[in-house]
Amino acid sequence: MPLVDMPLSELEKYKPALTAEPDFDAFWGEAKRESSAVPLQAKVVPVDYPAKNVSVYDVTYNGMDGTPIHGIYLVPNESMAKRPMPVIVKYHGYTGRAGRPQDYMHWVCMGIAVFAIDVRGQGGLSPDYAQYPTGSAPGWMTLGILDPSRYYYKQVYMDCVRAIDFVCEREEIDTSRIIVSGNSQGGGLTLAAAGLDDRPKLALPIFPYLCDFRRALEIYTTGPYAEIRNWFRIYDPEHEQEAQVYRTLSYFDGMNHAARVEAKTMMAITLQDTTCPPSTCFAAFNHLPGEKEAKIYPDFGHEGLPFHELAMMRFVEKHL
């Protein structure tokens, strides 16, 4: 098996020091207080869908800055799921979108509701009303990168927590049985949501992005980490602001959030991944303090893992 990173025996022990600043928890505590002061004002509109055992809804709710965040919400009918029922909140990969109702029917068949959101400004229907104080490289990775309070992912992470707020307002949902899940960027958002919020009971990240930024920028060969390199090429070729860039990124680093996750976690890691290198995923996994399981796929890279859906279903069946 070719190596794109460390040997597996080293990956299993790789646990770099956390980079969280002393005010990390205070920073996010204030962000959550700001967010909780803004009403969701969720709009839930039924969608005509030919599968009769599920109700499908188009949803928008306010981000903390007033950006309307879009999602799709699937509720199995009462013959499939007793009320109140569990729910899985889904976050998508970079540039992607929430997906289509049929993408989630395996969860509906388990009697689990699904809420999948469009990340602001990316490939779905959520715009981005935030304004950023400095120039950026094309993409989203460097929007506001010199100031953690103005960085793009601050609003995104709060959008993800507010998605949990939405499902907790629904009378058909059992708020003691919330799952968060996603792949790549969605995996990083899963760790952030579960680290910032103790309501999720299970977390299912797949090769999480946004983890161990310094290592990622040393070893990636494909994917959007290149946007940060491009920012330096455009705005700071001598890296005079490198310390500030990494300080900002530390507030959003998945390994710092992983260290605060209370949910039982199963993480998928592929050993041929050049976009979210295996060591960056292990950096987060090895900092998870609670019950956890790693599913290692040695011959796969940054790609779809349809077989892993069954592993996640069995994990949920066992633990929820």
Protein backbone atom coordinates (compact mmCIF):
# COMPACT_ATOMS: atom_id res chain seq x y z
CA MET A 1 0.00 0.00 0.00
CA PRO A 2 1.53 3.37 -0.98
CA LEU A 3 1.92 5.94 1.78
CA VAL A 4 0.62 9.49 1.42
CA ASP A 5 1.28 10.21 5.11
CA MET A 6 2.75 8.43 8.14
CA PRO A 7 2.53 4.64 8.55
CA LEU A 8 -0.64 3.57 10.34
CA SER A 9 1.28 2.62 13.49
CA GLU A 10 2.49 6.23 13.76
CA LEU A 11 -0.86 7.71 12.83
CA GLU A 12 -2.51 5.84 15.70
CA LYS A 13 -0.15 7.60 18.13
CA TYR A 14 -0.14 11.02 16.46
CA LYS A 15 -1.50 13.54 18.96
CA PRO A 16 -0.08 17.03 18.40
CA ALA A 17 -0.43 19.65 21.09
CA LEU A 18 -3.70 21.53 20.99
CA THR A 19 -3.48 25.04 19.59
CA ALA A 20 -6.49 26.54 21.40
CA GLU A 21 -5.84 30.07 22.64
CA PRO A 22 -6.49 30.81 26.36
CA ASP A 23 -9.76 32.55 25.44
CA PHE A 24 -10.98 29.75 23.13
CA ASP A 25 -13.92 28.77 25.33
CA ALA A 26 -14.77 32.39 26.14
CA PHE A 27 -14.69 33.27 22.42
CA TRP A 28 -17.18 30.54 21.57
CA GLY A 29 -19.26 31.17 24.68
CA GLU A 30 -19.78 34.75 23.56
CA ALA A 31 -20.57 33.61 20.00
CA LYS A 32 -23.23 31.24 21.33
CA ARG A 33 -24.72 33.97 23.51
CA GLU A 34 -24.91 36.30 20.50
CA SER A 35 -26.49 33.53 18.47
CA SER A 36 -29.07 32.59 21.09
CA ALA A 37 -30.27 36.21 21.22
CA VAL A 38 -31.32 36.07 17.55
CA PRO A 39 -34.68 34.36 16.84
CA LEU A 40 -34.54 31.47 14.38
CA GLN A 41 -37.78 32.53 12.68
CA ALA A 42 -37.82 29.18 10.89
CA LYS A 43 -40.06 28.78 7.87
CA VAL A 44 -41.13 25.20 7.14
CA VAL A 45 -42.84 24.58 3.78
CA PRO A 46 -44.16 21.14 2.71
CA VAL A 47 -42.69 19.68 -0.49
CA ASP A 48 -44.62 17.37 -2.80
CA TYR A 49 -42.67 14.12 -2.77
CA PRO A 50 -43.81 10.76 -4.20
CA ALA A 51 -42.68 8.58 -1.28
CA LYS A 52 -45.73 8.41 0.96
CA ASN A 53 -44.03 7.18 4.13
CA VAL A 54 -42.12 10.41 4.61
CA SER A 55 -42.99 14.09 4.81
CA VAL A 56 -40.47 16.40 3.15
CA TYR A 57 -40.09 20.09 3.98
CA ASP A 58 -38.12 23.01 2.65
CA VAL A 59 -36.73 24.97 5.61
CA THR A 60 -35.08 28.33 6.12
CA TYR A 61 -33.93 29.78 9.45
CA ASN A 62 -31.97 32.88 10.36
CA GLY A 63 -28.24 32.72 10.93
CA MET A 64 -27.04 34.88 13.78
CA ASP A 65 -26.31 37.68 11.27
CA GLY A 66 -29.69 37.38 9.56
CA THR A 67 -28.51 35.23 6.66
CA PRO A 68 -31.33 32.83 5.71
CA ILE A 69 -29.92 29.31 6.02
CA HIS A 70 -31.65 26.74 3.84
CA GLY A 71 -32.15 23.06 4.48
CA ILE A 72 -34.30 20.05 3.74
CA TYR A 73 -36.15 18.26 6.53
CA LEU A 74 -37.44 14.69 6.28
CA VAL A 75 -39.86 13.22 8.81
CA PRO A 76 -40.86 9.53 8.60
CA ASN A 77 -44.56 8.98 9.19
CA GLU A 78 -45.90 7.47 12.39
CA SER A 79 -46.05 3.95 10.95
CA MET A 80 -42.24 4.11 10.61
CA ALA A 81 -41.26 6.15 13.65
CA LYS A 82 -42.92 6.59 17.01
CA ARG A 83 -43.06 10.15 18.35
CA PRO A 84 -40.82 11.63 19.52
CA MET A 85 -38.16 10.29 17.14
CA PRO A 86 -34.39 10.67 16.77
CA VAL A 87 -32.88 13.00 14.17
CA ILE A 88 -29.65 13.20 12.22
CA VAL A 89 -28.35 16.67 11.31
CA LYS A 90 -26.24 16.53 8.15
CA TYR A 91 -23.47 18.94 7.06
CA HIS A 92 -22.05 18.75 3.55
CA GLY A 93 -18.61 18.90 1.96
CA TYR A 94 -16.83 21.97 0.63
CA THR A 95 -18.62 23.65 -2.31
CA GLY A 96 -21.53 21.20 -1.92
CA ARG A 97 -25.16 21.40 -0.91
CA ALA A 98 -27.68 19.66 1.34
CA GLY A 99 -28.54 17.05 -1.26
CA ARG A 100 -31.85 15.48 -2.25
CA PRO A 101 -34.43 13.70 -0.11
CA GLN A 102 -33.64 10.33 -1.70
CA ASP A 103 -30.04 10.62 -0.46
CA TYR A 104 -31.29 10.07 3.09
CA MET A 105 -33.97 7.40 2.77
CA HIS A 106 -31.89 4.78 4.59
CA TRP A 107 -32.12 6.95 7.73
CA VAL A 108 -35.84 7.51 7.22
CA CYS A 109 -36.29 3.72 6.95
CA MET A 110 -34.65 3.43 10.38
CA GLY A 111 -37.30 5.77 11.80
CA ILE A 112 -34.89 8.72 12.01
CA ALA A 113 -35.73 12.25 10.87
CA VAL A 114 -33.11 14.08 8.79
CA PHE A 115 -32.21 17.75 8.64
CA ALA A 116 -29.58 18.63 6.03
CA ILE A 117 -28.47 22.24 5.59
CA ASP A 118 -26.81 24.25 2.83
CA VAL A 119 -23.61 25.89 4.11
CA ARG A 120 -23.79 29.64 3.55
CA GLY A 121 -22.43 30.98 0.30
CA GLN A 122 -21.48 27.60 -1.15
CA GLY A 123 -23.28 25.33 -3.63
CA GLY A 124 -26.78 25.34 -2.17
CA LEU A 125 -29.49 27.92 -1.55
CA SER A 126 -28.02 29.66 1.50
CA PRO A 127 -26.56 33.10 0.70
CA ASP A 128 -23.96 34.78 2.89
CA TYR A 129 -24.79 38.24 4.25
CA ALA A 130 -21.56 38.57 6.25
CA GLN A 131 -18.99 41.19 5.29
CA TYR A 132 -15.27 40.55 5.54
CA PRO A 133 -12.70 43.21 6.36
CA THR A 134 -9.77 42.13 4.16
CA GLY A 135 -9.04 40.67 0.76
CA SER A 136 -9.18 36.92 0.20
CA ALA A 137 -8.07 34.25 -2.20
CA PRO A 138 -10.82 32.70 -4.36
CA GLY A 139 -12.98 30.38 -2.27
CA TRP A 140 -14.08 30.66 1.36
CA MET A 141 -11.05 29.56 3.37
CA THR A 142 -9.47 33.01 3.70
CA LEU A 143 -12.50 35.26 4.16
CA GLY A 144 -11.63 37.37 7.22
CA ILE A 145 -8.60 35.22 7.99
CA LEU A 146 -6.79 37.87 10.05
CA ASP A 147 -9.56 38.21 12.65
CA PRO A 148 -11.27 35.22 14.31
CA SER A 149 -14.33 37.30 15.13
CA ARG A 150 -14.78 38.11 11.41
CA TYR A 151 -13.61 34.80 9.94
CA TYR A 152 -16.01 33.00 7.58
CA TYR A 153 -16.31 29.83 9.64
CA LYS A 154 -17.46 31.65 12.77
CA GLN A 155 -20.82 32.23 11.15
CA VAL A 156 -20.80 28.75 9.57
CA TYR A 157 -20.16 27.03 12.92
CA MET A 158 -22.97 29.00 14.50
CA ASP A 159 -25.25 28.10 11.57
CA CYS A 160 -24.52 24.46 12.38
CA VAL A 161 -25.41 24.92 16.06
CA ARG A 162 -28.58 26.75 15.05
CA ALA A 163 -29.52 23.74 12.91
CA ILE A 164 -29.56 21.80 16.18
CA ASP A 165 -31.68 24.59 17.67
CA PHE A 166 -34.17 24.07 14.85
CA VAL A 167 -34.64 20.34 15.38
CA CYS A 168 -34.91 20.90 19.14
CA GLU A 169 -37.91 23.17 18.52
CA ARG A 170 -39.76 20.41 16.67
CA GLU A 171 -42.31 18.55 18.81
CA GLU A 172 -41.80 15.32 16.84
CA ILE A 173 -38.08 15.17 17.77
CA ASP A 174 -36.59 13.43 20.79
CA THR A 175 -33.92 15.94 21.82
CA SER A 176 -32.06 13.26 23.77
CA ARG A 177 -31.36 11.39 20.50
CA ILE A 178 -29.60 13.83 18.17
CA ILE A 179 -26.91 12.72 15.72
CA VAL A 180 -24.56 14.99 13.75
CA SER A 181 -22.75 13.82 10.65
CA GLY A 182 -20.91 14.89 7.53
CA ASN A 183 -17.94 14.20 5.31
CA SER A 184 -14.87 16.35 4.61
CA GLN A 185 -15.93 19.93 5.42
CA GLY A 186 -19.07 18.34 6.84
CA GLY A 187 -16.87 16.15 9.05
CA GLY A 188 -15.13 19.23 10.40
CA LEU A 189 -18.50 20.88 10.98
CA THR A 190 -19.65 17.72 12.78
CA LEU A 191 -16.73 17.99 15.21
CA ALA A 192 -17.35 21.71 15.70
CA ALA A 193 -21.07 21.25 16.33
CA ALA A 194 -20.49 18.40 18.78
CA GLY A 195 -17.68 20.31 20.50
CA LEU A 196 -19.68 23.52 20.85
CA ASP A 197 -22.97 21.88 21.85
CA ASP A 198 -23.62 19.02 24.26
CA ARG A 199 -27.02 18.12 22.76
CA PRO A 200 -25.70 15.72 20.07
CA LYS A 201 -25.39 12.21 21.51
CA LEU A 202 -23.64 10.68 18.49
CA ALA A 203 -21.16 12.20 16.04
CA LEU A 204 -20.28 10.57 12.70
CA PRO A 205 -17.51 12.54 10.96
CA ILE A 206 -16.00 11.18 7.74
CA PHE A 207 -12.40 12.24 6.92
CA PRO A 208 -12.93 15.63 8.63
CA TYR A 209 -11.54 18.76 7.02
CA LEU A 210 -10.46 21.84 9.05
CA CYS A 211 -8.22 19.82 11.40
CA ASP A 212 -4.58 20.33 12.46
CA PHE A 213 -4.09 23.26 10.09
CA ARG A 214 -0.30 23.46 10.32
CA ARG A 215 0.13 19.80 9.47
CA ALA A 216 -2.52 20.02 6.76
CA LEU A 217 -0.73 22.87 5.02
CA GLU A 218 2.55 20.96 5.16
CA ILE A 219 1.26 17.76 3.58
CA TYR A 220 -1.90 18.31 1.49
CA THR A 221 -1.54 17.99 -2.29
CA THR A 222 -5.15 18.44 -3.39
CA GLY A 223 -8.16 20.42 -2.24
CA PRO A 224 -9.02 23.79 -0.71
CA TYR A 225 -6.15 24.11 1.78
CA ALA A 226 -4.41 25.55 -1.29
CA GLU A 227 -6.53 28.69 -0.83
CA ILE A 228 -4.52 29.57 2.28
CA ARG A 229 -1.26 29.18 0.36
CA ASN A 230 -2.72 31.33 -2.39
CA TRP A 231 -3.62 34.00 0.17
CA PHE A 232 0.00 34.18 1.28
CA ARG A 233 1.15 34.35 -2.34
CA ILE A 234 -1.19 37.28 -3.02
CA TYR A 235 -1.10 39.26 0.23
CA ASP A 236 1.85 38.15 2.33
CA PRO A 237 4.64 36.49 0.31
CA GLU A 238 7.12 36.75 3.21
CA HIS A 239 4.64 35.31 5.74
CA GLU A 240 4.88 38.33 8.01
CA GLN A 241 1.30 37.70 9.17
CA GLU A 242 1.64 33.93 9.48
CA ALA A 243 1.29 33.94 13.28
CA GLN A 244 -1.98 35.87 13.05
CA VAL A 245 -3.32 33.57 10.34
CA TYR A 246 -2.67 30.49 12.47
CA ARG A 247 -4.04 32.22 15.55
CA THR A 248 -7.32 32.81 13.70
CA LEU A 249 -7.41 29.24 12.41
CA SER A 250 -6.82 27.84 15.90
CA TYR A 251 -10.34 28.87 16.96
CA PHE A 252 -11.73 26.73 14.14
CA ASP A 253 -9.36 23.77 14.32
CA GLY A 254 -11.22 20.48 14.52
CA MET A 255 -8.75 18.95 16.95
CA ASN A 256 -9.41 21.78 19.44
CA HIS A 257 -13.14 21.20 19.08
CA ALA A 258 -12.72 17.42 19.23
CA ALA A 259 -11.15 17.77 22.68
CA ARG A 260 -14.51 19.14 23.87
CA VAL A 261 -16.81 16.56 22.25
CA GLU A 262 -18.98 14.59 24.66
CA ALA A 263 -20.87 12.57 22.04
CA LYS A 264 -20.00 8.98 21.23
CA THR A 265 -18.08 9.24 17.98
CA MET A 266 -17.29 7.04 15.01
CA MET A 267 -14.85 8.55 12.52
CA ALA A 268 -14.02 7.24 9.05
CA ILE A 269 -10.42 7.82 7.93
CA THR A 270 -9.04 6.92 4.50
CA LEU A 271 -5.30 6.39 4.23
CA GLN A 272 -4.92 7.55 0.61
CA ASP A 273 -6.50 10.96 1.26
CA THR A 274 -4.43 13.85 -0.07
CA THR A 275 -7.11 16.48 0.63
CA CYS A 276 -7.74 15.72 4.31
CA PRO A 277 -4.50 13.86 5.08
CA PRO A 278 -4.86 10.93 7.50
CA SER A 279 -2.62 12.52 10.14
CA THR A 280 -4.91 15.56 10.37
CA CYS A 281 -7.90 13.29 10.93
CA PHE A 282 -6.02 11.30 13.58
CA ALA A 283 -5.03 14.58 15.25
CA ALA A 284 -8.73 15.16 15.90
CA PHE A 285 -9.60 11.53 16.64
CA ASN A 286 -6.83 11.09 19.19
CA HIS A 287 -8.00 14.18 21.08
CA LEU A 288 -11.57 12.90 21.42
CA PRO A 289 -11.97 12.31 25.17
CA GLY A 290 -14.96 9.99 25.20
CA GLU A 291 -16.16 6.74 23.66
CA LYS A 292 -14.95 6.53 20.08
CA GLU A 293 -14.30 4.22 17.18
CA ALA A 294 -12.19 4.69 14.05
CA LYS A 295 -13.09 2.96 10.79
CA ILE A 296 -9.90 2.79 8.72
CA TYR A 297 -10.08 2.30 4.96
CA PRO A 298 -6.48 1.79 3.73
CA ASP A 299 -7.14 1.79 -0.03
CA PHE A 300 -9.48 4.76 -0.30
CA GLY A 301 -8.85 8.47 -0.70
CA HIS A 302 -11.06 11.55 -0.66
CA GLU A 303 -14.06 9.94 -2.28
CA GLY A 304 -17.50 8.50 -1.67
CA LEU A 305 -17.68 5.61 0.79
CA PRO A 306 -21.16 4.14 0.23
CA PHE A 307 -20.33 1.03 2.26
CA HIS A 308 -19.58 3.22 5.27
CA GLU A 309 -23.25 4.24 5.42
CA LEU A 310 -24.01 0.73 6.68
CA ALA A 311 -21.31 1.03 9.35
CA MET A 312 -22.87 4.30 10.52
CA MET A 313 -26.33 2.76 10.57
CA ARG A 314 -25.10 -0.09 12.74
CA PHE A 315 -23.31 2.34 15.06
CA VAL A 316 -26.51 4.36 15.46
CA GLU A 317 -28.58 1.22 15.98
CA LYS A 318 -26.19 0.13 18.75
CA HIS A 319 -25.83 3.42 20.59
CA LEU A 320 -29.01 5.44 20.13
